[in-house]
Protein backbone atom coordinates (compact mmCIF):
# COMPACT_ATOMS: atom_id res chain seq x y z
CA MET A 1 0.72 -18.52 15.40
CA ILE A 2 -1.18 -18.58 12.20
CA LEU A 3 -0.85 -21.61 10.65
CA PHE A 4 -1.22 -22.43 7.05
CA GLU A 5 -0.39 -24.93 4.32
CA LYS A 6 1.25 -24.10 0.76
CA HIS A 7 1.10 -25.62 -2.59
CA ILE A 8 2.58 -24.54 -6.19
CA LEU A 9 0.85 -25.48 -9.24
CA LYS A 10 3.04 -26.59 -12.12
CA ASN A 11 2.01 -23.12 -14.04
CA GLY A 12 3.58 -21.45 -11.12
CA LEU A 13 0.64 -20.47 -9.28
CA LYS A 14 1.39 -20.23 -5.35
CA VAL A 15 -1.33 -21.46 -3.16
CA VAL A 16 -1.45 -20.51 0.38
CA VAL A 17 -4.32 -21.73 2.68
CA HIS A 18 -5.17 -20.91 6.39
CA THR A 19 -8.09 -22.89 8.10
CA ASP A 20 -10.45 -20.90 10.52
CA ARG A 21 -13.15 -22.94 11.77
CA THR A 22 -14.68 -20.11 14.07
CA THR A 23 -16.51 -18.57 10.85
CA PRO A 24 -18.84 -20.03 8.37
CA MET A 25 -17.23 -17.82 5.62
CA ALA A 26 -14.22 -17.92 3.32
CA ALA A 27 -11.86 -15.67 1.75
CA VAL A 28 -10.57 -16.09 -1.85
CA ASN A 29 -7.73 -13.86 -2.34
CA VAL A 30 -5.63 -13.24 -5.60
CA ALA A 31 -2.53 -10.97 -5.36
CA TYR A 32 -0.66 -10.20 -8.50
CA ASN A 33 2.83 -8.93 -8.07
CA VAL A 34 2.30 -5.82 -10.11
CA GLY A 35 1.80 -2.27 -8.73
CA ALA A 36 2.46 1.17 -10.10
CA ARG A 37 6.15 0.53 -9.46
CA ASN A 38 6.17 -1.76 -12.78
CA GLU A 39 4.82 0.60 -14.83
CA HIS A 40 6.22 2.60 -18.02
CA PRO A 41 6.95 6.30 -16.92
CA GLU A 42 5.11 7.18 -19.80
CA LYS A 43 2.42 4.78 -19.26
CA THR A 44 1.37 5.20 -15.70
CA GLY A 45 -1.85 4.12 -13.94
CA PHE A 46 -2.25 0.94 -15.80
CA ALA A 47 -2.13 -1.36 -12.43
CA HIS A 48 -4.64 0.77 -10.90
CA LEU A 49 -6.66 0.76 -14.16
CA PHE A 50 -6.87 -2.84 -14.06
CA GLU A 51 -8.22 -2.96 -10.69
CA HIS A 52 -11.34 -1.44 -12.56
CA LEU A 53 -11.16 -3.55 -15.80
CA MET A 54 -10.68 -7.20 -13.86
CA PHE A 55 -14.64 -6.28 -13.08
CA GLY A 56 -15.79 -5.57 -16.34
CA GLY A 57 -16.13 -9.55 -17.42
CA SER A 58 -13.64 -12.19 -18.51
CA VAL A 59 -13.54 -14.24 -21.69
CA ASN A 60 -16.25 -16.93 -20.56
CA ILE A 61 -18.16 -14.90 -17.79
CA PRO A 62 -19.67 -11.43 -18.94
CA ASN A 63 -20.80 -10.37 -15.57
CA TYR A 64 -18.50 -10.78 -12.47
CA ASP A 65 -20.63 -9.18 -9.93
CA MET A 66 -23.66 -11.19 -10.24
CA PRO A 67 -22.39 -14.85 -9.38
CA VAL A 68 -20.92 -13.46 -6.62
CA GLN A 69 -23.99 -11.80 -5.31
CA LYS A 70 -25.88 -15.13 -5.78
CA VAL A 71 -24.00 -17.16 -3.64
CA GLY A 72 -24.11 -14.57 -1.03
CA GLY A 73 -20.63 -13.23 -1.38
CA GLU A 74 -18.81 -9.91 -1.78
CA ASN A 75 -15.61 -8.93 -4.02
CA ASN A 76 -13.32 -5.67 -4.20
CA ALA A 77 -9.89 -4.77 -4.85
CA PHE A 78 -6.91 -2.35 -4.00
CA THR A 79 -3.90 -1.30 -5.69
CA THR A 80 -0.36 -0.26 -4.08
CA ASN A 81 3.03 0.59 -4.97
CA ASP A 82 3.88 -2.98 -5.09
CA LEU A 83 0.90 -5.13 -6.25
CA THR A 84 -2.60 -5.63 -7.08
CA ASN A 85 -5.06 -7.31 -4.78
CA TYR A 86 -8.31 -8.76 -5.71
CA TYR A 87 -10.71 -10.54 -3.34
CA ILE A 88 -14.17 -12.44 -2.72
CA THR A 89 -15.73 -13.06 0.62
CA LEU A 90 -18.60 -15.74 0.65
CA PRO A 91 -20.13 -18.54 2.59
CA ALA A 92 -17.29 -21.20 2.64
CA GLN A 93 -19.96 -23.70 1.15
CA ASN A 94 -20.05 -21.82 -2.06
CA ILE A 95 -16.25 -21.15 -2.17
CA GLU A 96 -15.85 -23.25 -5.85
CA THR A 97 -18.02 -20.17 -7.45
CA ALA A 98 -14.78 -17.59 -6.51
CA PHE A 99 -12.30 -20.23 -8.16
CA TRP A 100 -14.26 -20.48 -11.23
CA LEU A 101 -14.71 -16.46 -11.31
CA GLU A 102 -10.76 -15.76 -10.48
CA SER A 103 -9.59 -18.42 -12.77
CA ASP A 104 -11.41 -17.20 -15.94
CA ARG A 105 -10.17 -13.47 -15.34
CA MET A 106 -6.83 -14.81 -14.54
CA LEU A 107 -7.15 -16.80 -18.05
CA GLU A 108 -8.30 -13.67 -20.02
CA LEU A 109 -10.49 -10.79 -19.68
CA ALA A 110 -13.18 -9.90 -22.19
CA PHE A 111 -11.17 -7.21 -23.65
CA SER A 112 -13.30 -4.44 -25.75
CA GLU A 113 -13.28 -0.89 -26.74
CA ARG A 114 -16.40 -0.48 -24.85
CA SER A 115 -15.23 -1.99 -21.71
CA LEU A 116 -12.06 0.18 -21.71
CA GLU A 117 -13.64 3.23 -22.45
CA VAL A 118 -16.15 2.87 -19.67
CA GLN A 119 -13.54 2.05 -16.93
CA LYS A 120 -11.17 5.13 -18.50
CA ASN A 121 -13.72 7.19 -17.53
CA VAL A 122 -14.45 6.11 -14.06
CA VAL A 123 -10.68 6.05 -13.11
CA ILE A 124 -10.52 9.75 -14.78
CA GLU A 125 -13.09 11.00 -12.70
CA GLU A 126 -11.49 9.50 -9.85
CA PHE A 127 -8.27 11.20 -10.85
CA LYS A 128 -10.35 14.55 -11.10
CA GLN A 129 -11.93 14.21 -7.57
CA ARG A 130 -8.96 12.80 -5.82
CA TYR A 131 -6.27 15.23 -7.08
CA LEU A 132 -7.90 18.17 -8.97
CA ASN A 133 -11.18 18.90 -7.37
CA GLN A 134 -10.51 19.05 -3.21
CA PRO A 135 -8.59 20.96 -1.29
CA TYR A 136 -4.88 19.69 -0.65
CA GLY A 137 -5.74 16.70 -3.36
CA ASP A 138 -2.39 17.58 -5.19
CA VAL A 139 0.04 17.42 -1.88
CA TYR A 140 0.67 13.36 -2.33
CA PRO A 141 1.99 14.05 -6.05
CA LEU A 142 3.85 17.13 -5.24
CA MET A 143 5.56 15.39 -2.33
CA LYS A 144 6.34 12.31 -4.23
CA ASP A 145 7.79 14.12 -7.27
CA LEU A 146 10.09 16.19 -4.77
CA ALA A 147 11.47 13.18 -3.09
CA TYR A 148 12.04 10.81 -5.88
CA LYS A 149 14.01 11.29 -8.98
CA VAL A 150 14.51 8.05 -10.24
CA HIS A 151 12.20 5.37 -8.61
CA PRO A 152 9.01 4.93 -10.11
CA TYR A 153 7.09 5.62 -6.56
CA ARG A 154 7.81 9.15 -7.57
CA TRP A 155 4.17 9.01 -9.13
CA PRO A 156 1.18 7.89 -7.49
CA THR A 157 -0.92 4.45 -8.25
CA ILE A 158 -3.55 6.36 -10.07
CA GLY A 159 -1.29 7.73 -12.21
CA LYS A 160 1.70 10.45 -12.89
CA ASP A 161 -0.46 12.44 -15.34
CA ILE A 162 -4.47 12.03 -16.41
CA SER A 163 -3.30 11.66 -20.20
CA HIS A 164 -1.70 8.33 -19.55
CA ILE A 165 -4.97 7.11 -18.57
CA GLU A 166 -6.78 8.96 -21.44
CA ASN A 167 -4.65 7.95 -24.09
CA ALA A 168 -4.14 4.26 -23.00
CA THR A 169 -5.25 1.99 -26.12
CA LEU A 170 -6.76 -1.53 -26.10
CA ALA A 171 -3.34 -2.68 -27.40
CA ASP A 172 -1.52 -1.18 -24.29
CA VAL A 173 -3.76 -2.62 -21.63
CA LYS A 174 -3.72 -5.98 -23.47
CA ASP A 175 0.18 -6.08 -23.59
CA PHE A 176 0.12 -5.02 -19.48
CA PHE A 177 -2.42 -8.01 -18.82
CA PHE A 178 -0.38 -10.63 -20.73
CA LYS A 179 2.74 -9.21 -19.07
CA TYR A 180 1.82 -9.35 -15.31
CA TYR A 181 -1.59 -11.18 -14.75
CA ALA A 182 0.09 -14.79 -14.74
CA PRO A 183 -0.51 -17.50 -12.63
CA ASN A 184 3.39 -17.66 -12.15
CA ASN A 185 3.31 -13.81 -11.02
CA ALA A 186 0.50 -14.64 -8.54
CA VAL A 187 -0.27 -16.03 -5.01
CA LEU A 188 -3.66 -17.27 -4.16
CA SER A 189 -4.59 -17.27 -0.79
CA VAL A 190 -7.71 -18.55 0.71
CA THR A 191 -8.84 -18.22 4.72
CA GLY A 192 -11.78 -19.40 6.41
CA ASN A 193 -13.92 -22.50 7.23
CA VAL A 194 -11.98 -24.63 4.66
CA ASP A 195 -9.93 -27.77 4.14
CA ALA A 196 -6.46 -27.30 2.77
CA ASN A 197 -6.70 -30.63 0.52
CA LYS A 198 -10.06 -29.44 -0.96
CA VAL A 199 -8.39 -25.80 -1.84
CA PHE A 200 -5.64 -27.37 -3.48
CA ARG A 201 -7.68 -29.61 -5.48
CA LEU A 202 -9.89 -26.62 -6.54
CA ALA A 203 -6.87 -24.96 -7.10
CA GLU A 204 -5.81 -27.41 -9.82
CA LYS A 205 -9.05 -27.97 -11.11
CA TRP A 206 -9.61 -24.08 -11.81
CA PHE A 207 -6.21 -22.55 -12.44
CA GLY A 208 -4.03 -25.49 -13.31
CA ASP A 209 -4.45 -25.40 -17.31
CA ILE A 210 -3.98 -21.60 -17.41
CA PRO A 211 -0.68 -21.18 -19.18
CA ARG A 212 2.69 -19.69 -17.69
CA ARG A 213 3.52 -16.50 -19.35
CA GLU A 214 6.70 -14.70 -19.99
CA VAL A 215 6.84 -12.38 -16.89
CA PRO A 216 9.40 -9.59 -17.74
CA ASN A 217 11.93 -9.42 -15.15
CA ASN A 218 11.90 -5.81 -13.99
CA GLU A 219 14.64 -4.07 -12.89
CA ILE A 220 13.29 -1.29 -10.92
CA PRO A 221 15.91 1.78 -11.06
CA SER A 222 17.05 2.11 -7.60
CA GLU A 223 16.64 5.94 -6.05
CA PRO A 224 20.09 7.57 -5.54
CA LYS A 225 20.97 8.66 -2.05
CA GLN A 226 19.63 12.03 -1.64
CA THR A 227 22.49 14.33 -0.82
CA GLU A 228 20.74 17.82 -0.76
CA PHE A 229 17.64 19.57 1.10
CA ARG A 230 14.93 20.01 -1.40
CA HIS A 231 12.13 22.46 -0.95
CA LYS A 232 9.03 23.37 -2.72
CA GLN A 233 6.26 26.22 -1.90
CA VAL A 234 3.05 26.34 -3.75
CA GLU A 235 0.18 28.68 -3.00
CA ARG A 236 -3.64 27.03 -3.24
CA LYS A 237 -7.29 28.04 -2.27
CA VAL A 238 -7.17 26.13 1.20
CA PRO A 239 -8.42 26.83 4.39
CA TYR A 240 -4.95 26.36 6.22
CA HIS A 241 -1.38 26.36 5.69
CA GLY A 242 -0.01 22.66 5.23
CA LEU A 243 3.48 21.46 5.79
CA TYR A 244 4.84 18.30 4.77
CA ILE A 245 8.22 16.91 5.44
CA SER A 246 9.69 13.58 3.97
CA PHE A 247 12.86 11.36 4.65
CA HIS A 248 13.92 8.51 2.85
CA MET A 249 13.80 5.25 5.04
CA HIS A 250 14.47 1.63 4.51
CA GLU A 251 12.86 -0.95 2.66
CA LYS A 252 10.39 -3.26 4.21
CA LEU A 253 12.85 -6.10 4.71
CA HIS A 254 15.35 -4.24 6.10
CA PRO A 255 15.37 -4.15 10.31
CA ASN A 256 15.30 -0.38 10.41
CA TYR A 257 12.03 -0.55 8.51
CA TYR A 258 10.29 -1.53 11.72
CA VAL A 259 12.65 1.03 13.71
CA ALA A 260 11.02 3.72 11.59
CA ASP A 261 7.52 2.62 12.17
CA LEU A 262 8.14 2.72 15.95
CA ILE A 263 9.61 6.42 15.65
CA SER A 264 6.44 6.74 14.22
CA ASP A 265 4.48 5.85 16.65
CA VAL A 266 6.52 7.73 19.19
CA LEU A 267 6.02 10.98 17.62
CA SER A 268 2.09 10.73 16.75
CA ASN A 269 0.01 7.68 17.90
CA GLY A 270 -2.25 8.93 20.09
CA GLN A 271 -2.97 12.00 22.46
CA SER A 272 0.03 11.07 24.50
CA SER A 273 2.42 10.97 21.63
CA ARG A 274 5.03 13.74 21.56
CA LEU A 275 3.61 15.70 18.38
CA TYR A 276 0.18 15.73 19.35
CA ARG A 277 1.02 16.86 23.32
CA ASN A 278 3.81 19.33 22.41
CA LEU A 279 2.60 20.84 19.31
CA VAL A 280 -1.05 20.46 19.07
CA ILE A 281 -1.77 20.91 22.78
CA GLU A 282 0.80 22.63 24.48
CA LYS A 283 2.12 25.23 21.84
CA GLN A 284 -1.05 25.11 19.84
CA LEU A 285 1.18 25.33 16.25
CA PHE A 286 -1.26 22.61 14.52
CA SER A 287 -4.74 21.86 14.43
CA GLU A 288 -3.52 18.36 13.13
CA LEU A 289 -0.15 16.55 12.86
CA ASP A 290 1.11 13.36 12.20
CA ALA A 291 3.95 11.19 11.34
CA TYR A 292 3.63 7.76 9.45
CA ILE A 293 5.87 5.73 6.85
CA SER A 294 4.86 4.87 3.36
CA GLY A 295 4.94 1.21 4.11
CA ASP A 296 6.40 0.42 0.57
CA ASN A 297 8.44 -3.14 -0.52
CA ASP A 298 11.21 -0.80 -1.93
CA PRO A 299 13.00 2.10 0.27
CA GLY A 300 10.19 4.46 1.05
CA LEU A 301 9.38 7.60 2.79
CA PHE A 302 8.91 8.60 6.48
CA SER A 303 6.69 11.56 6.63
CA VAL A 304 5.29 14.54 9.13
CA SER A 305 2.38 16.18 7.96
CA GLY A 306 0.11 18.90 9.52
CA LYS A 307 -2.34 21.70 9.25
CA LEU A 308 -1.42 24.96 10.80
CA ILE A 309 -3.61 27.03 13.33
CA ASP A 310 -4.39 30.13 11.67
CA GLY A 311 -2.14 32.88 12.35
CA VAL A 312 1.27 30.49 12.99
CA ASP A 313 4.01 31.20 10.97
CA ILE A 314 5.15 28.29 8.88
CA GLU A 315 8.82 28.64 9.50
CA THR A 316 8.05 28.60 13.22
CA ALA A 317 6.11 25.58 12.92
CA GLN A 318 8.79 23.78 10.81
CA LYS A 319 11.33 24.62 13.38
CA ALA A 320 9.05 23.09 16.19
CA ILE A 321 8.96 19.91 14.23
CA TRP A 322 12.64 19.53 14.03
CA HIS A 323 13.22 20.34 17.69
CA GLU A 324 10.99 17.15 18.42
CA LEU A 325 13.05 15.34 15.44
CA ASN A 326 16.44 16.37 17.14
CA LYS A 327 15.28 15.13 20.42
CA LEU A 328 15.25 11.76 19.25
CA LYS A 329 18.73 12.20 17.99
CA SER A 330 20.26 13.48 21.05
CA GLU A 331 17.97 11.70 23.80
CA ILE A 332 17.67 8.04 24.57
CA ILE A 333 13.89 7.34 24.63
CA ASN A 334 12.93 5.72 27.99
CA THR A 335 12.01 2.06 28.21
CA VAL A 336 8.29 3.12 29.39
CA GLU A 337 7.89 5.14 26.16
CA LEU A 338 8.94 2.48 23.90
CA GLN A 339 7.22 -0.36 25.48
CA LYS A 340 4.14 1.21 25.45
CA VAL A 341 4.24 2.01 21.32
CA ILE A 342 5.45 -1.52 20.98
CA ASN A 343 2.46 -2.87 23.03
CA LYS A 344 0.41 -1.23 21.01
CA VAL A 345 1.77 -2.21 17.59
CA GLU A 346 1.44 -5.88 18.72
CA ALA A 347 -2.25 -5.07 19.74
CA ASN A 348 -2.83 -3.70 16.39
CA LEU A 349 -1.25 -6.87 14.84
CA ILE A 350 -3.18 -9.19 16.76
CA TYR A 351 -6.37 -7.38 15.97
CA ALA A 352 -5.93 -6.84 12.47
CA GLU A 353 -5.16 -10.69 11.94
CA ILE A 354 -8.36 -11.66 13.76
CA GLY A 355 -10.59 -11.54 10.68
CA TYR A 356 -10.04 -14.42 8.04
CA LEU A 357 -9.96 -11.91 5.19
CA ASN A 358 -7.34 -9.64 6.57
CA LYS A 359 -5.16 -12.91 7.05
CA ALA A 360 -5.77 -13.71 3.43
CA ILE A 361 -4.68 -10.56 2.21
CA SER A 362 -1.50 -10.44 4.44
CA LEU A 363 -0.59 -13.99 3.67
CA ALA A 364 -0.68 -13.38 -0.11
CA ALA A 365 1.41 -10.11 0.49
CA TYR A 366 4.18 -11.68 2.42
CA GLU A 367 4.39 -14.88 -0.01
CA LEU A 368 4.79 -12.33 -2.93
CA MET A 369 7.67 -10.80 -0.85
CA GLY A 370 9.40 -14.06 -0.51
CA ASP A 371 7.61 -16.26 2.48
CA ALA A 372 4.05 -16.22 3.92
CA GLU A 373 5.99 -17.08 7.25
CA MET A 374 6.57 -13.63 7.69
CA ILE A 375 3.02 -12.72 8.98
CA ASN A 376 4.11 -14.86 12.21
CA ARG A 377 7.44 -12.75 12.60
CA GLN A 378 5.91 -9.39 13.00
CA SER A 379 5.76 -9.07 16.83
CA ASP A 380 9.27 -10.33 17.14
CA LEU A 381 10.62 -7.80 14.72
CA TYR A 382 8.87 -4.98 16.76
CA ARG A 383 10.20 -6.33 20.13
CA GLN A 384 13.74 -6.34 18.73
CA VAL A 385 13.64 -2.55 18.35
CA SER A 386 15.74 -0.59 21.49
CA SER A 387 15.89 2.71 22.48
CA SER A 388 19.61 2.80 20.80
CA LYS A 389 18.10 1.84 17.52
CA ILE A 390 15.85 4.23 17.76
CA ARG A 391 18.48 7.10 18.48
CA ASP A 392 20.92 5.61 15.80
CA LEU A 393 18.31 5.77 12.90
CA ALA A 394 16.90 8.94 13.88
CA GLU A 395 20.35 10.35 13.65
CA ASN A 396 20.96 8.79 10.12
CA MET A 397 17.64 9.66 8.97
CA PHE A 398 16.47 12.97 9.98
CA SER A 399 19.44 15.23 8.26
CA ASP A 400 18.86 18.10 5.87
CA GLN A 401 20.27 16.07 3.28
CA ASN A 402 17.96 13.55 3.26
CA CYS A 403 14.60 16.03 3.57
CA SER A 404 12.00 17.02 1.31
CA THR A 405 9.69 19.86 2.61
CA LEU A 406 6.63 21.28 0.91
CA PHE A 407 5.12 24.51 2.46
CA TYR A 408 1.50 24.60 0.94
CA LEU A 409 0.41 27.95 1.61
CA LYS A 410 -3.18 29.14 1.46
CA LYS A 411 -3.76 31.77 -0.94
CA GLN A 412 -4.02 35.21 0.37
CA SER A 413 -7.43 36.84 -0.82
């Protein structure tokens, strides 16, 4: 059980505090309720661009990193489809430095043409390295575009097209900032060797005067139910054929989300898992093979992906995967196999929440979704998954009509 206290400032900023006396450190984490799904289809990649812009100086503090380093701290950030998260870890006695820094950049960034050009170039180079200049780099964008037709999950967090970042203006980024980077659109979570009342006082001191903003009530378009098999085939200069299969699945707050997660573990978590044991070791069709869920707040994807052994026909490999999926639809998984994957998930949950930083990130994410208390309900939700629920969801999810498949073929010389 992770104990925490909550407080909401008058400007709408939610503050969550967890005290951990086993460490001399603290984490100050700010999660903003803005991700790739909040972007305009013709101006994508902005949430990720801000992951970089937020470190380029704020209205009263020109250099963000130097004060963090002077007090023995470290900082970083990440962007997902659903949120943008910024954090500082530092000795707990120096925690006010983090409040000073985070509040100033929530107030306003030091917007300038020079800073924007620098960060745009960084993101453009990252786009090229990740998607254009490495083998299999465009698989992710191809699959998202195949599986989604309406929902903004159809583009990656770095953006749909490199031109969207290239053409971003100072007016564009200012508009995006003042829409979403607001106290009433954020959660401040603090964990470590801290006192909750002191944290609440510091939050009032540093964040209390930041004005609320008119955060748009984005109506994210729902993805229509897929009703036909989708297939795409491409050829690239890669060493091996790749096979990628995705199915639409439930959102994170739905009980079937946890069922799907356990199905992915039954299929590919460890060397005793079904896909590894049957298709990698026994039949030697794949050199690597994995099943996983996208982990999105809105309805996401359940995916199976692998690299084929040289000489294996891709249609044969596809049939072998479907054979394993169909077994989950026709057979009840035995309780020993199910309990093994549940035990692994529980162990991973416990291990992940040992660190004070992980707890800060998770508390903020759950509070943005509705209630930080969800952090304490995860194990129970996995324990409630039964063998019959796995069979029922597999039967519903693993169908041709719900499937998008990419044949990623190596170009013949």
